[in-house]
PDB file of N, CA and C in Angstrom:
ATOM      1  N   UNK A   1       0.827  -1.183   0.000  1.00  0.00           N
ATOM      2  CA  UNK A   1       0.000   0.000   0.000  1.00  0.00           C
ATOM      3  C   UNK A   1       0.874   1.250   0.000  1.00  0.00           C
ATOM      4  N   UNK A   2       0.559   2.177  -0.849  1.00  0.00           N
ATOM      5  CA  UNK A   2       1.324   3.410  -0.942  1.00  0.00           C
ATOM      6  C   UNK A   2       0.843   4.388   0.125  1.00  0.00           C
ATOM      7  N   UNK A   3       1.755   5.193   0.630  1.00  0.00           N
ATOM      8  CA  UNK A   3       1.444   6.100   1.717  1.00  0.00           C
ATOM      9  C   UNK A   3       1.171   7.501   1.189  1.00  0.00           C
ATOM     10  N   UNK A   4       0.065   8.086   1.611  1.00  0.00           N
ATOM     11  CA  UNK A   4      -0.258   9.455   1.230  1.00  0.00           C
ATOM     12  C   UNK A   4      -0.209  10.379   2.445  1.00  0.00           C
ATOM     13  N   UNK A   5       0.464   9.921   3.516  1.00  0.00           N
ATOM     14  CA  UNK A   5       0.597  10.710   4.731  1.00  0.00           C
ATOM     15  C   UNK A   5       1.963  11.377   4.751  1.00  0.00           C
ATOM     16  N   UNK A   6       1.964  12.680   5.049  1.00  0.00           N
ATOM     17  CA  UNK A   6       3.189  13.463   5.022  1.00  0.00           C
ATOM     18  C   UNK A   6       3.521  14.022   6.402  1.00  0.00           C
ATOM     19  N   UNK A   7       4.813  14.102   6.666  1.00  0.00           N
ATOM     20  CA  UNK A   7       5.342  14.796   7.827  1.00  0.00           C
ATOM     21  C   UNK A   7       5.603  16.237   7.383  1.00  0.00           C
ATOM     22  N   UNK A   8       5.210  17.205   8.198  1.00  0.00           N
ATOM     23  CA  UNK A   8       5.455  18.615   7.896  1.00  0.00           C
ATOM     24  C   UNK A   8       6.209  19.203   9.076  1.00  0.00           C
ATOM     25  N   UNK A   9       7.460  19.543   8.857  1.00  0.00           N
ATOM     26  CA  UNK A   9       8.301  20.045   9.932  1.00  0.00           C
ATOM     27  C   UNK A   9       8.674  21.500   9.763  1.00  0.00           C
ATOM     28  N   UNK A  10       9.224  22.066  10.825  1.00  0.00           N
ATOM     29  CA  UNK A  10       9.663  23.454  10.907  1.00  0.00           C
ATOM     30  C   UNK A  10       8.497  24.434  10.795  1.00  0.00           C
ATOM     31  N   UNK A  11       7.347  24.037  11.360  1.00  0.00           N
ATOM     32  CA  UNK A  11       6.185  24.921  11.379  1.00  0.00           C
ATOM     33  C   UNK A  11       6.352  25.989  12.455  1.00  0.00           C
ATOM     34  N   UNK A  12       5.823  27.156  12.191  1.00  0.00           N
ATOM     35  CA  UNK A  12       5.700  28.168  13.227  1.00  0.00           C
ATOM     36  C   UNK A  12       4.787  27.587  14.309  1.00  0.00           C
ATOM     37  N   UNK A  13       5.112  27.798  15.563  1.00  0.00           N
ATOM     38  CA  UNK A  13       4.332  27.199  16.654  1.00  0.00           C
ATOM     39  C   UNK A  13       2.895  27.694  16.693  1.00  0.00           C
ATOM     40  N   UNK A  14       2.611  28.829  16.051  1.00  0.00           N
ATOM     41  CA  UNK A  14       1.253  29.386  16.055  1.00  0.00           C
ATOM     42  C   UNK A  14       0.355  28.761  14.981  1.00  0.00           C
ATOM     43  N   UNK A  15       0.919  27.959  14.076  1.00  0.00           N
ATOM     44  CA  UNK A  15       0.120  27.349  13.003  1.00  0.00           C
ATOM     45  C   UNK A  15      -0.837  26.330  13.611  1.00  0.00           C
ATOM     46  N   UNK A  16      -2.110  26.415  13.201  1.00  0.00           N
ATOM     47  CA  UNK A  16      -3.091  25.450  13.697  1.00  0.00           C
ATOM     48  C   UNK A  16      -3.520  24.506  12.573  1.00  0.00           C
ATOM     49  N   UNK A  17      -4.369  23.551  12.905  1.00  0.00           N
ATOM     50  CA  UNK A  17      -4.759  22.522  11.943  1.00  0.00           C
ATOM     51  C   UNK A  17      -5.547  23.094  10.768  1.00  0.00           C
ATOM     52  N   UNK A  18      -6.349  24.111  11.005  1.00  0.00           N
ATOM     53  CA  UNK A  18      -7.100  24.727   9.906  1.00  0.00           C
ATOM     54  C   UNK A  18      -6.166  25.368   8.897  1.00  0.00           C
ATOM     55  N   UNK A  19      -5.161  26.080   9.376  1.00  0.00           N
ATOM     56  CA  UNK A  19      -4.198  26.716   8.478  1.00  0.00           C
ATOM     57  C   UNK A  19      -3.418  25.680   7.671  1.00  0.00           C
ATOM     58  N   UNK A  20      -3.010  24.610   8.330  1.00  0.00           N
ATOM     59  CA  UNK A  20      -2.255  23.567   7.643  1.00  0.00           C
ATOM     60  C   UNK A  20      -3.129  22.872   6.604  1.00  0.00           C
ATOM     61  N   UNK A  21      -4.379  22.616   6.952  1.00  0.00           N
ATOM     62  CA  UNK A  21      -5.313  22.000   5.998  1.00  0.00           C
ATOM     63  C   UNK A  21      -5.505  22.906   4.788  1.00  0.00           C
ATOM     64  N   UNK A  22      -5.683  24.196   5.023  1.00  0.00           N
ATOM     65  CA  UNK A  22      -5.869  25.146   3.923  1.00  0.00           C
ATOM     66  C   UNK A  22      -4.651  25.177   3.005  1.00  0.00           C
ATOM     67  N   UNK A  23      -3.462  25.117   3.576  1.00  0.00           N
ATOM     68  CA  UNK A  23      -2.237  25.112   2.775  1.00  0.00           C
ATOM     69  C   UNK A  23      -2.183  23.892   1.862  1.00  0.00           C
ATOM     70  N   UNK A  24      -2.467  22.715   2.414  1.00  0.00           N
ATOM     71  CA  UNK A  24      -2.368  21.483   1.637  1.00  0.00           C
ATOM     72  C   UNK A  24      -3.564  21.254   0.718  1.00  0.00           C
ATOM     73  N   UNK A  25      -4.687  21.908   0.983  1.00  0.00           N
ATOM     74  CA  UNK A  25      -5.867  21.766   0.132  1.00  0.00           C
ATOM     75  C   UNK A  25      -5.610  22.286  -1.280  1.00  0.00           C
ATOM     76  N   UNK A  26      -4.585  23.101  -1.439  1.00  0.00           N
ATOM     77  CA  UNK A  26      -4.203  23.571  -2.780  1.00  0.00           C
ATOM     78  C   UNK A  26      -3.646  22.449  -3.643  1.00  0.00           C
ATOM     79  N   UNK A  27      -3.322  21.314  -3.037  1.00  0.00           N
ATOM     80  CA  UNK A  27      -2.671  20.218  -3.755  1.00  0.00           C
ATOM     81  C   UNK A  27      -3.514  18.949  -3.810  1.00  0.00           C
ATOM     82  N   UNK A  28      -4.701  18.973  -3.209  1.00  0.00           N
ATOM     83  CA  UNK A  28      -5.563  17.792  -3.261  1.00  0.00           C
ATOM     84  C   UNK A  28      -6.554  17.775  -2.116  1.00  0.00           C
ATOM     85  N   UNK A  29      -7.228  16.644  -1.987  1.00  0.00           N
ATOM     86  CA  UNK A  29      -8.225  16.462  -0.937  1.00  0.00           C
ATOM     87  C   UNK A  29      -7.540  16.023   0.349  1.00  0.00           C
ATOM     88  N   UNK A  30      -7.671  16.847   1.374  1.00  0.00           N
ATOM     89  CA  UNK A  30      -7.043  16.562   2.661  1.00  0.00           C
ATOM     90  C   UNK A  30      -7.967  15.660   3.472  1.00  0.00           C
ATOM     91  N   UNK A  31      -7.444  14.490   3.860  1.00  0.00           N
ATOM     92  CA  UNK A  31      -8.223  13.525   4.645  1.00  0.00           C
ATOM     93  C   UNK A  31      -7.982  13.667   6.145  1.00  0.00           C
ATOM     94  N   UNK A  32      -6.800  14.126   6.518  1.00  0.00           N
ATOM     95  CA  UNK A  32      -6.410  14.127   7.937  1.00  0.00           C
ATOM     96  C   UNK A  32      -5.346  15.188   8.161  1.00  0.00           C
ATOM     97  N   UNK A  33      -5.454  15.917   9.257  1.00  0.00           N
ATOM     98  CA  UNK A  33      -4.447  16.906   9.653  1.00  0.00           C
ATOM     99  C   UNK A  33      -4.262  16.816  11.162  1.00  0.00           C
ATOM    100  N   UNK A  34      -3.009  16.834  11.595  1.00  0.00           N
ATOM    101  CA  UNK A  34      -2.708  16.849  13.021  1.00  0.00           C
ATOM    102  C   UNK A  34      -1.471  17.707  13.239  1.00  0.00           C
ATOM    103  N   UNK A  35      -1.616  18.758  14.045  1.00  0.00           N
ATOM    104  CA  UNK A  35      -0.476  19.581  14.436  1.00  0.00           C
ATOM    105  C   UNK A  35      -0.106  19.176  15.862  1.00  0.00           C
ATOM    106  N   UNK A  36       1.157  18.900  16.070  1.00  0.00           N
ATOM    107  CA  UNK A  36       1.649  18.558  17.400  1.00  0.00           C
ATOM    108  C   UNK A  36       1.999  19.873  18.092  1.00  0.00           C
ATOM    109  N   UNK A  37       1.143  20.292  19.008  1.00  0.00           N
ATOM    110  CA  UNK A  37       1.290  21.597  19.644  1.00  0.00           C
ATOM    111  C   UNK A  37       2.603  21.714  20.409  1.00  0.00           C
ATOM    112  N   UNK A  38       3.236  22.871  20.250  1.00  0.00           N
ATOM    113  CA  UNK A  38       4.458  23.163  20.967  1.00  0.00           C
ATOM    114  C   UNK A  38       5.681  22.433  20.448  1.00  0.00           C
ATOM    115  N   UNK A  39       5.538  21.731  19.325  1.00  0.00           N
ATOM    116  CA  UNK A  39       6.660  20.958  18.781  1.00  0.00           C
ATOM    117  C   UNK A  39       7.106  21.458  17.406  1.00  0.00           C
ATOM    118  N   UNK A  40       6.248  22.212  16.706  1.00  0.00           N
ATOM    119  CA  UNK A  40       6.634  22.758  15.412  1.00  0.00           C
ATOM    120  C   UNK A  40       6.563  21.767  14.264  1.00  0.00           C
ATOM    121  N   UNK A  41       5.748  20.730  14.408  1.00  0.00           N
ATOM    122  CA  UNK A  41       5.559  19.809  13.292  1.00  0.00           C
ATOM    123  C   UNK A  41       4.159  19.235  13.320  1.00  0.00           C
ATOM    124  N   UNK A  42       3.806  18.563  12.233  1.00  0.00           N
ATOM    125  CA  UNK A  42       2.498  17.952  12.141  1.00  0.00           C
ATOM    126  C   UNK A  42       2.455  16.930  11.030  1.00  0.00           C
ATOM    127  N   UNK A  43       1.251  16.424  10.773  1.00  0.00           N
ATOM    128  CA  UNK A  43       1.041  15.407   9.749  1.00  0.00           C
ATOM    129  C   UNK A  43      -0.178  15.767   8.920  1.00  0.00           C
ATOM    130  N   UNK A  44      -0.080  15.472   7.633  1.00  0.00           N
ATOM    131  CA  UNK A  44      -1.191  15.708   6.711  1.00  0.00           C
ATOM    132  C   UNK A  44      -1.332  14.465   5.852  1.00  0.00           C
ATOM    133  N   UNK A  45      -2.568  13.996   5.693  1.00  0.00           N
ATOM    134  CA  UNK A  45      -2.821  12.882   4.786  1.00  0.00           C
ATOM    135  C   UNK A  45      -3.716  13.378   3.664  1.00  0.00           C
ATOM    136  N   UNK A  46      -3.296  13.114   2.442  1.00  0.00           N
ATOM    137  CA  UNK A  46      -4.065  13.491   1.267  1.00  0.00           C
ATOM    138  C   UNK A  46      -4.766  12.267   0.699  1.00  0.00           C
ATOM    139  N   UNK A  47      -5.722  12.500  -0.173  1.00  0.00           N
ATOM    140  CA  UNK A  47      -6.559  11.431  -0.729  1.00  0.00           C
ATOM    141  C   UNK A  47      -5.742  10.381  -1.487  1.00  0.00           C
ATOM    142  N   UNK A  48      -4.782  10.829  -2.295  1.00  0.00           N
ATOM    143  CA  UNK A  48      -4.005   9.885  -3.106  1.00  0.00           C
ATOM    144  C   UNK A  48      -2.506  10.113  -2.916  1.00  0.00           C
ATOM    145  N   UNK A  49      -1.748   9.120  -3.281  1.00  0.00           N
ATOM    146  CA  UNK A  49      -0.299   9.260  -3.221  1.00  0.00           C
ATOM    147  C   UNK A  49       0.194  10.306  -4.206  1.00  0.00           C
ATOM    148  N   UNK A  50      -0.450  10.395  -5.369  1.00  0.00           N
ATOM    149  CA  UNK A  50      -0.044  11.393  -6.365  1.00  0.00           C
ATOM    150  C   UNK A  50      -0.199  12.809  -5.810  1.00  0.00           C
ATOM    151  N   UNK A  51      -1.293  13.051  -5.095  1.00  0.00           N
ATOM    152  CA  UNK A  51      -1.495  14.363  -4.485  1.00  0.00           C
ATOM    153  C   UNK A  51      -0.425  14.626  -3.424  1.00  0.00           C
ATOM    154  N   UNK A  52      -0.120  13.609  -2.630  1.00  0.00           N
ATOM    155  CA  UNK A  52       0.892  13.748  -1.586  1.00  0.00           C
ATOM    156  C   UNK A  52       2.263  14.034  -2.188  1.00  0.00           C
ATOM    157  N   UNK A  53       2.612  13.327  -3.243  1.00  0.00           N
ATOM    158  CA  UNK A  53       3.914  13.545  -3.889  1.00  0.00           C
ATOM    159  C   UNK A  53       4.005  14.947  -4.475  1.00  0.00           C
ATOM    160  N   UNK A  54       2.917  15.421  -5.076  1.00  0.00           N
ATOM    161  CA  UNK A  54       2.910  16.761  -5.646  1.00  0.00           C
ATOM    162  C   UNK A  54       3.048  17.814  -4.544  1.00  0.00           C
ATOM    163  N   UNK A  55       2.315  17.650  -3.460  1.00  0.00           N
ATOM    164  CA  UNK A  55       2.406  18.589  -2.342  1.00  0.00           C
ATOM    165  C   UNK A  55       3.821  18.597  -1.765  1.00  0.00           C
ATOM    166  N   UNK A  56       4.396  17.418  -1.615  1.00  0.00           N
ATOM    167  CA  UNK A  56       5.762  17.304  -1.096  1.00  0.00           C
ATOM    168  C   UNK A  56       6.741  18.033  -2.011  1.00  0.00           C
ATOM    169  N   UNK A  57       6.612  17.813  -3.310  1.00  0.00           N
ATOM    170  CA  UNK A  57       7.507  18.443  -4.281  1.00  0.00           C
ATOM    171  C   UNK A  57       7.381  19.963  -4.245  1.00  0.00           C
ATOM    172  N   UNK A  58       6.161  20.452  -4.155  1.00  0.00           N
ATOM    173  CA  UNK A  58       5.921  21.892  -4.205  1.00  0.00           C
ATOM    174  C   UNK A  58       6.218  22.604  -2.884  1.00  0.00           C
ATOM    175  N   UNK A  59       5.956  21.962  -1.758  1.00  0.00           N
ATOM    176  CA  UNK A  59       6.055  22.647  -0.465  1.00  0.00           C
ATOM    177  C   UNK A  59       7.366  22.430   0.277  1.00  0.00           C
ATOM    178  N   UNK A  60       8.064  21.328   0.019  1.00  0.00           N
ATOM    179  CA  UNK A  60       9.324  21.083   0.714  1.00  0.00           C
ATOM    180  C   UNK A  60      10.324  22.172   0.341  1.00  0.00           C
ATOM    181  N   UNK A  61      10.824  22.858   1.350  1.00  0.00           N
ATOM    182  CA  UNK A  61      11.784  23.939   1.119  1.00  0.00           C
ATOM    183  C   UNK A  61      11.135  25.290   0.862  1.00  0.00           C
ATOM    184  N   UNK A  62       9.812  25.334   0.813  1.00  0.00           N
ATOM    185  CA  UNK A  62       9.130  26.609   0.593  1.00  0.00           C
ATOM    186  C   UNK A  62       8.962  27.334   1.930  1.00  0.00           C
ATOM    187  N   UNK A  63       8.708  28.630   1.849  1.00  0.00           N
ATOM    188  CA  UNK A  63       8.532  29.416   3.059  1.00  0.00           C
ATOM    189  C   UNK A  63       7.054  29.545   3.388  1.00  0.00           C
ATOM    190  N   UNK A  64       6.722  29.361   4.661  1.00  0.00           N
ATOM    191  CA  UNK A  64       5.361  29.506   5.149  1.00  0.00           C
ATOM    192  C   UNK A  64       5.417  30.163   6.518  1.00  0.00           C
ATOM    193  N   UNK A  65       4.821  31.323   6.625  1.00  0.00           N
ATOM    194  CA  UNK A  65       4.786  32.087   7.885  1.00  0.00           C
ATOM    195  C   UNK A  65       6.185  32.319   8.440  1.00  0.00           C
ATOM    196  N   UNK A  66       7.110  32.651   7.544  1.00  0.00           N
ATOM    197  CA  UNK A  66       8.465  32.985   7.958  1.00  0.00           C
ATOM    198  C   UNK A  66       9.377  31.810   8.252  1.00  0.00           C
ATOM    199  N   UNK A  67       8.918  30.591   7.993  1.00  0.00           N
ATOM    200  CA  UNK A  67       9.731  29.397   8.250  1.00  0.00           C
ATOM    201  C   UNK A  67       9.862  28.588   6.970  1.00  0.00           C
ATOM    202  N   UNK A  68      10.986  27.928   6.793  1.00  0.00           N
ATOM    203  CA  UNK A  68      11.194  27.057   5.641  1.00  0.00           C
ATOM    204  C   UNK A  68      10.683  25.665   5.985  1.00  0.00           C
ATOM    205  N   UNK A  69       9.646  25.234   5.267  1.00  0.00           N
ATOM    206  CA  UNK A  69       9.012  23.954   5.567  1.00  0.00           C
ATOM    207  C   UNK A  69       9.878  22.775   5.174  1.00  0.00           C
ATOM    208  N   UNK A  70       9.752  21.728   5.952  1.00  0.00           N
ATOM    209  CA  UNK A  70      10.337  20.430   5.606  1.00  0.00           C
ATOM    210  C   UNK A  70       9.170  19.463   5.458  1.00  0.00           C
ATOM    211  N   UNK A  71       8.958  18.979   4.247  1.00  0.00           N
ATOM    212  CA  UNK A  71       7.848  18.066   3.968  1.00  0.00           C
ATOM    213  C   UNK A  71       8.438  16.765   3.448  1.00  0.00           C
ATOM    214  N   UNK A  72       8.057  15.653   4.084  1.00  0.00           N
ATOM    215  CA  UNK A  72       8.576  14.352   3.693  1.00  0.00           C
ATOM    216  C   UNK A  72       7.508  13.294   3.961  1.00  0.00           C
ATOM    217  N   UNK A  73       7.726  12.115   3.432  1.00  0.00           N
ATOM    218  CA  UNK A  73       6.793  11.016   3.708  1.00  0.00           C
ATOM    219  C   UNK A  73       6.849  10.689   5.193  1.00  0.00           C
ATOM    220  N   UNK A  74       5.682  10.506   5.786  1.00  0.00           N
ATOM    221  CA  UNK A  74       5.620  10.150   7.205  1.00  0.00           C
ATOM    222  C   UNK A  74       6.029   8.693   7.369  1.00  0.00           C
ATOM    223  N   UNK A  75       6.804   8.444   8.394  1.00  0.00           N
ATOM    224  CA  UNK A  75       7.176   7.063   8.701  1.00  0.00           C
ATOM    225  C   UNK A  75       6.092   6.444   9.562  1.00  0.00           C
ATOM    226  N   UNK A  76       5.918   5.144   9.484  1.00  0.00           N
ATOM    227  CA  UNK A  76       4.914   4.490  10.332  1.00  0.00           C
ATOM    228  C   UNK A  76       5.212   4.738  11.803  1.00  0.00           C
ATOM    229  N   UNK A  77       4.162   4.925  12.572  1.00  0.00           N
ATOM    230  CA  UNK A  77       4.322   5.160  14.001  1.00  0.00           C
ATOM    231  C   UNK A  77       4.847   3.899  14.674  1.00  0.00           C
ATOM    232  N   UNK A  78       5.837   4.097  15.529  1.00  0.00           N
ATOM    233  CA  UNK A  78       6.399   2.959  16.257  1.00  0.00           C
ATOM    234  C   UNK A  78       5.510   2.607  17.416  1.00  0.00           C
ATOM    235  N   UNK A  79       5.454   1.324  17.704  1.00  0.00           N
ATOM    236  CA  UNK A  79       4.731   0.886  18.903  1.00  0.00           C
ATOM    237  C   UNK A  79       5.557   1.262  20.115  1.00  0.00           C
ATOM    238  N   UNK A  80       4.939   1.995  20.991  1.00  0.00           N
ATOM    239  CA  UNK A  80       5.642   2.408  22.205  1.00  0.00           C
ATOM    240  C   UNK A  80       5.083   1.615  23.371  1.00  0.00           C
ATOM    241  N   UNK A  81       5.958   0.956  24.069  1.00  0.00           N
ATOM    242  CA  UNK A  81       5.526   0.247  25.262  1.00  0.00           C
ATOM    243  C   UNK A  81       6.075   0.988  26.459  1.00  0.00           C
ATOM    244  N   UNK A  82       5.237   1.152  27.418  1.00  0.00           N
ATOM    245  CA  UNK A  82       5.654   1.839  28.644  1.00  0.00           C
ATOM    246  C   UNK A  82       6.285   0.850  29.602  1.00  0.00           C
ATOM    247  N   UNK A  83       7.368   1.297  30.177  1.00  0.00           N
ATOM    248  CA  UNK A  83       8.014   0.470  31.181  1.00  0.00           C
ATOM    249  C   UNK A  83       7.737   1.089  32.540  1.00  0.00           C
ATOM    250  N   UNK A  84       7.202   0.297  33.409  1.00  0.00           N
ATOM    251  CA  UNK A  84       6.830   0.807  34.741  1.00  0.00           C
ATOM    252  C   UNK A  84       7.848   0.442  35.777  1.00  0.00           C
TER     253      UNK A  84
END
């Protein structure tokens, strides 16, 4: 299965999920957006891999709200086990 989920790094801390969705909506249908508050990064999932690749190509290295974005394919989330 091809991945259409992207990692978006170097975000201004004030960017919210609506703003990020609006930015990526220029490149396709946004299925999912999550901004990790206070960390300066988030995740966006687009409808198709082609849309994700186009967004990655166009937005990686571009400036948004005074910051240079880093856009890459999201890696699968690791299983985290808590040790007590």
